């Protein structure tokens, strides 16, 4: 029983990093014991690319730094990325990069939102040389564990979050407005498997000239322990309702691998595939969690 709880704690710590990279709405999920207090540092590097709804191909390199604090049933997690990009006109919803409808920009205009990923032109050498580097928006997440699986049949979390518009408006990444979100997350263990489900809502800040639909979000995932020391994998699907009426709603599927390197350090590797023209074609990331 002790080893199972230890493995579950490792998996929960992994979910804090993994699901933040996959979908910012499922965050800071952790199994906390009474009186337990801990700081965790995390860092990750992410590469994301896609044709989106434009004619040209866009690619982003993101270097994330984050810190988490947990005490009893409460967890707080904050992070901020350093972003390198070749095209302006994008924002982040959670960790998914989406276009901001920059009509008549980028030499090609809009693509038909009903086409899967539009026209994904490969990047040429000049676009790689025109990368712009800037600081992104700061995200703060909270998670309060209402139920735990030890005393109930499920783990249940309430997760509020806020995005602070720290990215400069001239960078073309971010909307320059606050975003607010709230989600409910449920988790259930069955032997070596863990089933995850979430539902939430995001209030998106509208930049000048754009009126976003505030999306509902949902996701489902299946995780499995693959070793006694807490190594695990997670398959996760998440989707939003439409953000702009004329374009497909964002959705993607992701696969993550967590490797426990020692008692305080874990390595996470994640690959994602967008399933609509309003989502990235691909996203690849890797990073570390360091328990202090």
Protein backbone atom coordinates (compact mmCIF):
# COMPACT_ATOMS: atom_id res chain seq x y z
CA UNK A 1 0.00 0.00 0.00
CA UNK A 2 2.89 2.32 0.87
CA UNK A 3 4.62 1.75 -2.47
CA UNK A 4 1.34 2.32 -4.33
CA UNK A 5 0.80 5.67 -2.59
CA UNK A 6 4.40 6.66 -3.31
CA UNK A 7 3.94 5.77 -6.97
CA UNK A 8 0.72 7.73 -7.12
CA UNK A 9 2.42 10.77 -5.57
CA UNK A 10 5.12 10.59 -8.25
CA UNK A 11 2.45 10.37 -10.94
CA UNK A 12 0.61 13.34 -9.47
CA UNK A 13 3.81 15.41 -9.40
CA UNK A 14 4.33 14.46 -13.04
CA UNK A 15 0.79 15.60 -13.91
CA UNK A 16 1.56 19.09 -12.63
CA UNK A 17 4.29 19.47 -15.26
CA UNK A 18 2.83 17.31 -18.01
CA UNK A 19 -0.70 18.65 -18.13
CA UNK A 20 0.51 22.24 -17.92
CA UNK A 21 2.39 21.58 -21.13
CA UNK A 22 -0.52 19.69 -22.67
CA UNK A 23 -3.39 21.85 -21.50
CA UNK A 24 -3.19 24.65 -18.98
CA UNK A 25 -6.69 23.99 -17.70
CA UNK A 26 -5.75 20.72 -15.99
CA UNK A 27 -3.10 21.90 -13.59
CA UNK A 28 -1.44 21.39 -10.26
CA UNK A 29 -3.04 18.00 -9.66
CA UNK A 30 -1.31 16.43 -6.73
CA UNK A 31 -1.96 14.00 -3.89
CA UNK A 32 -1.23 15.96 -0.73
CA UNK A 33 -1.06 14.65 2.80
CA UNK A 34 -1.98 16.75 5.80
CA UNK A 35 0.79 19.05 6.93
CA UNK A 36 2.92 18.40 3.84
CA UNK A 37 4.58 21.49 2.34
CA UNK A 38 6.92 21.46 -0.65
CA UNK A 39 8.45 23.68 -3.28
CA UNK A 40 9.09 22.38 -6.80
CA UNK A 41 11.01 24.05 -9.61
CA UNK A 42 10.36 23.10 -13.24
CA UNK A 43 11.82 23.97 -16.60
CA UNK A 44 10.97 22.80 -20.10
CA UNK A 45 11.72 23.51 -23.74
CA UNK A 46 8.93 23.32 -26.33
CA UNK A 47 8.90 23.51 -30.13
CA UNK A 48 5.54 24.15 -31.81
CA UNK A 49 4.77 24.59 -35.51
CA UNK A 50 1.78 24.86 -37.80
CA UNK A 51 0.18 26.39 -40.86
CA UNK A 52 -2.86 27.33 -38.77
CA UNK A 53 -5.31 29.48 -40.75
CA UNK A 54 -2.62 31.27 -42.73
CA UNK A 55 -0.66 30.62 -45.91
CA UNK A 56 2.74 30.77 -44.25
CA UNK A 57 4.18 28.31 -41.73
CA UNK A 58 4.76 29.52 -38.18
CA UNK A 59 7.07 28.02 -35.60
CA UNK A 60 7.72 28.82 -31.94
CA UNK A 61 10.46 27.92 -29.50
CA UNK A 62 9.45 28.32 -25.87
CA UNK A 63 11.67 28.02 -22.80
CA UNK A 64 9.53 27.76 -19.67
CA UNK A 65 10.48 28.40 -16.06
CA UNK A 66 8.05 27.61 -13.27
CA UNK A 67 7.68 27.22 -9.53
CA UNK A 68 5.08 25.33 -7.50
CA UNK A 69 4.12 25.48 -3.83
CA UNK A 70 1.86 22.95 -2.18
CA UNK A 71 0.48 22.77 1.34
CA UNK A 72 -2.25 20.45 2.56
CA UNK A 73 -4.95 20.37 -0.15
CA UNK A 74 -3.84 23.56 -1.91
CA UNK A 75 -1.35 23.92 -4.76
CA UNK A 76 -0.16 27.10 -6.49
CA UNK A 77 1.87 27.03 -9.71
CA UNK A 78 3.27 29.90 -11.74
CA UNK A 79 5.33 29.93 -14.92
CA UNK A 80 6.47 32.23 -17.74
CA UNK A 81 8.00 31.42 -21.14
CA UNK A 82 10.75 32.99 -23.17
CA UNK A 83 9.43 32.88 -26.76
CA UNK A 84 11.24 32.88 -30.12
CA UNK A 85 8.91 33.17 -33.12
CA UNK A 86 9.08 33.81 -36.85
CA UNK A 87 5.57 35.30 -37.29
CA UNK A 88 3.40 37.64 -35.18
CA UNK A 89 -0.31 37.28 -34.49
CA UNK A 90 -0.60 34.42 -31.98
CA UNK A 91 -1.60 33.96 -28.37
CA UNK A 92 -1.56 31.14 -25.85
CA UNK A 93 -4.59 29.50 -24.32
CA UNK A 94 -3.08 27.45 -21.57
CA UNK A 95 -0.13 25.90 -23.38
CA UNK A 96 -1.81 25.67 -26.80
CA UNK A 97 -0.76 28.36 -29.26
CA UNK A 98 -3.63 29.71 -31.36
CA UNK A 99 -3.88 32.46 -34.03
CA UNK A 100 -5.46 35.83 -33.33
CA UNK A 101 -7.14 36.34 -36.72
CA UNK A 102 -4.49 38.74 -38.07
CA UNK A 103 -6.28 39.35 -41.36
CA UNK A 104 -4.23 40.75 -44.26
CA UNK A 105 -0.97 40.18 -42.38
CA UNK A 106 1.79 37.74 -43.19
CA UNK A 107 1.55 37.81 -46.98
CA UNK A 108 -1.27 35.41 -47.62
CA UNK A 109 -4.23 36.27 -45.47
CA UNK A 110 -6.67 33.80 -44.05
CA UNK A 111 -7.14 30.15 -44.88
CA UNK A 112 -10.37 28.21 -45.02
CA UNK A 113 -10.99 27.07 -41.46
CA UNK A 114 -12.66 23.89 -42.65
CA UNK A 115 -9.44 22.58 -44.16
CA UNK A 116 -7.25 20.51 -41.91
CA UNK A 117 -4.28 22.76 -41.08
CA UNK A 118 -4.61 24.78 -44.28
CA UNK A 119 -1.48 24.98 -46.40
CA UNK A 120 1.55 24.01 -44.34
CA UNK A 121 4.41 25.56 -46.26
CA UNK A 122 7.85 24.47 -45.05
CA UNK A 123 9.96 27.16 -43.44
CA UNK A 124 12.72 28.61 -45.56
CA UNK A 125 16.13 29.82 -44.41
CA UNK A 126 15.12 33.48 -44.33
CA UNK A 127 12.23 32.83 -41.96
CA UNK A 128 14.52 30.98 -39.58
CA UNK A 129 16.88 33.98 -39.58
CA UNK A 130 14.02 36.40 -38.77
CA UNK A 131 13.19 34.92 -35.38
CA UNK A 132 12.06 37.43 -32.73
CA UNK A 133 12.74 36.70 -29.06
CA UNK A 134 10.55 38.08 -26.29
CA UNK A 135 9.11 37.33 -22.88
CA UNK A 136 5.66 35.72 -22.92
CA UNK A 137 2.67 36.02 -20.61
CA UNK A 138 2.80 34.94 -16.96
CA UNK A 139 0.37 32.20 -15.88
CA UNK A 140 -0.76 31.48 -12.34
CA UNK A 141 -2.73 28.33 -11.50
CA UNK A 142 -4.34 27.09 -8.34
CA UNK A 143 -5.71 23.69 -7.40
CA UNK A 144 -7.79 22.76 -4.38
CA UNK A 145 -8.39 19.07 -3.72
CA UNK A 146 -12.00 18.63 -2.60
CA UNK A 147 -12.03 14.81 -2.51
CA UNK A 148 -9.24 12.24 -2.30
CA UNK A 149 -9.32 8.67 -3.50
CA UNK A 150 -8.16 7.33 -0.15
CA UNK A 151 -11.47 8.30 1.51
CA UNK A 152 -13.67 8.47 -1.60
CA UNK A 153 -13.95 6.74 -4.96
CA UNK A 154 -12.30 9.63 -6.87
CA UNK A 155 -9.89 12.53 -6.60
CA UNK A 156 -11.67 15.83 -7.30
CA UNK A 157 -9.93 19.18 -7.90
CA UNK A 158 -11.14 22.75 -8.47
CA UNK A 159 -8.63 24.73 -10.54
CA UNK A 160 -8.79 28.53 -11.03
CA UNK A 161 -6.20 30.25 -13.21
CA UNK A 162 -5.28 33.67 -14.55
CA UNK A 163 -3.02 34.87 -17.35
CA UNK A 164 -1.21 38.15 -16.76
CA UNK A 165 -0.41 40.13 -19.98
CA UNK A 166 3.32 40.50 -19.36
CA UNK A 167 4.21 40.00 -23.04
CA UNK A 168 4.87 43.31 -24.82
CA UNK A 169 2.23 44.20 -27.40
CA UNK A 170 4.87 44.71 -30.08
CA UNK A 171 6.00 41.08 -29.88
CA UNK A 172 2.88 39.65 -31.55
CA UNK A 173 2.57 36.91 -28.91
CA UNK A 174 -0.35 37.34 -26.56
CA UNK A 175 -3.39 39.59 -26.61
CA UNK A 176 -2.24 42.20 -24.10
CA UNK A 177 -5.28 41.32 -21.97
CA UNK A 178 -5.97 39.23 -18.88
CA UNK A 179 -7.48 35.74 -19.27
CA UNK A 180 -9.36 33.94 -16.51
CA UNK A 181 -10.24 30.27 -16.26
CA UNK A 182 -11.88 27.73 -13.99
CA UNK A 183 -11.99 23.95 -14.35
CA UNK A 184 -13.02 20.84 -12.44
CA UNK A 185 -10.83 17.75 -12.69
CA UNK A 186 -11.61 14.17 -11.74
CA UNK A 187 -9.18 11.28 -11.41
CA UNK A 188 -9.75 7.58 -10.70
CA UNK A 189 -7.16 4.80 -10.16
CA UNK A 190 -7.74 1.26 -11.40
CA UNK A 191 -4.80 -1.03 -10.62
CA UNK A 192 -1.81 0.47 -12.49
CA UNK A 193 -4.02 2.76 -14.62
CA UNK A 194 -5.34 6.26 -13.90
CA UNK A 195 -8.32 7.77 -15.74
CA UNK A 196 -8.52 11.58 -15.99
CA UNK A 197 -11.35 13.88 -17.04
CA UNK A 198 -11.79 17.65 -16.93
CA UNK A 199 -14.27 20.35 -17.87
CA UNK A 200 -13.80 24.10 -17.66
CA UNK A 201 -14.38 27.59 -18.98
CA UNK A 202 -12.00 30.36 -20.11
CA UNK A 203 -12.76 34.10 -20.19
CA UNK A 204 -10.46 35.40 -22.93
CA UNK A 205 -9.41 39.03 -23.04
CA UNK A 206 -10.28 40.64 -26.39
CA UNK A 207 -7.49 42.56 -28.10
CA UNK A 208 -8.34 45.58 -30.23
CA UNK A 209 -10.53 44.64 -33.20
CA UNK A 210 -11.17 41.03 -32.14
CA UNK A 211 -14.12 39.55 -30.27
CA UNK A 212 -13.35 36.07 -29.00
CA UNK A 213 -15.96 33.54 -28.00
CA UNK A 214 -15.14 32.46 -24.46
CA UNK A 215 -14.63 28.70 -24.84
CA UNK A 216 -15.70 25.77 -22.76
CA UNK A 217 -12.95 23.18 -22.44
CA UNK A 218 -12.94 19.45 -21.89
CA UNK A 219 -10.43 16.64 -21.88
CA UNK A 220 -9.95 12.97 -21.10
CA UNK A 221 -6.80 10.97 -20.50
CA UNK A 222 -5.47 7.56 -19.60
CA UNK A 223 -2.27 7.12 -17.62
CA UNK A 224 -0.34 4.00 -16.65
CA UNK A 225 2.54 3.23 -14.31
CA UNK A 226 5.22 1.30 -16.20
CA UNK A 227 7.62 0.63 -13.33
CA UNK A 228 7.71 0.31 -9.56
CA UNK A 229 9.59 3.58 -9.07
CA UNK A 230 6.81 5.69 -10.59
CA UNK A 231 7.75 5.90 -14.28
CA UNK A 232 4.55 6.48 -16.24
CA UNK A 233 2.92 7.36 -19.54
CA UNK A 234 -0.13 9.48 -20.27
CA UNK A 235 -2.34 9.71 -23.37
CA UNK A 236 -4.50 12.84 -23.30
CA UNK A 237 -7.08 14.50 -25.56
CA UNK A 238 -8.28 18.05 -24.99
CA UNK A 239 -10.61 20.35 -26.91
CA UNK A 240 -12.20 23.79 -26.75
CA UNK A 241 -15.45 25.07 -28.23
CA UNK A 242 -15.03 27.64 -31.03
CA UNK A 243 -13.00 30.72 -30.22
CA UNK A 244 -13.71 32.45 -33.56
CA UNK A 245 -16.95 31.63 -35.38
CA UNK A 246 -15.43 31.19 -38.85
CA UNK A 247 -12.77 28.67 -37.83
CA UNK A 248 -12.53 25.22 -36.38
CA UNK A 249 -12.32 24.79 -32.64
CA UNK A 250 -8.89 23.95 -31.16
CA UNK A 251 -8.24 20.31 -30.24
CA UNK A 252 -5.22 18.09 -29.92
CA UNK A 253 -4.03 14.71 -28.68
CA UNK A 254 -0.83 14.26 -26.67
CA UNK A 255 1.38 11.47 -25.43
CA UNK A 256 3.75 11.97 -22.51
CA UNK A 257 6.44 9.91 -20.83
CA UNK A 258 7.64 10.52 -17.27
CA UNK A 259 10.93 9.09 -16.04
CA UNK A 260 11.90 9.32 -12.38
CA UNK A 261 15.65 10.01 -12.38
CA UNK A 262 16.12 10.08 -8.61
CA UNK A 263 14.21 10.94 -5.43
CA UNK A 264 13.94 14.64 -6.33
CA UNK A 265 14.17 14.85 -10.13
CA UNK A 266 11.86 13.71 -12.94
CA UNK A 267 12.22 14.00 -16.71
CA UNK A 268 9.12 14.47 -18.88
CA UNK A 269 8.91 14.09 -22.66
CA UNK A 270 5.74 15.10 -24.52
CA UNK A 271 4.55 15.04 -28.12
CA UNK A 272 1.28 16.57 -29.33
CA UNK A 273 -0.65 16.52 -32.61
CA UNK A 274 -3.20 19.19 -33.50
CA UNK A 275 -6.52 17.97 -34.90
CA UNK A 276 -7.86 21.18 -36.44
CA UNK A 277 -6.71 24.16 -38.51
CA UNK A 278 -6.88 26.32 -35.39
CA UNK A 279 -4.38 24.11 -33.54
CA UNK A 280 -0.63 23.56 -33.98
CA UNK A 281 0.43 20.86 -36.44
CA UNK A 282 2.79 19.50 -33.82
CA UNK A 283 4.35 20.24 -30.45
CA UNK A 284 7.37 18.55 -28.90
CA UNK A 285 8.67 19.32 -25.42
CA UNK A 286 10.94 18.02 -22.71
CA UNK A 287 11.68 19.23 -19.22
CA UNK A 288 12.56 18.56 -15.61
CA UNK A 289 10.88 18.82 -12.21
CA UNK A 290 13.11 19.45 -9.19
CA UNK A 291 11.64 18.89 -5.73
CA UNK A 292 13.29 21.17 -3.15
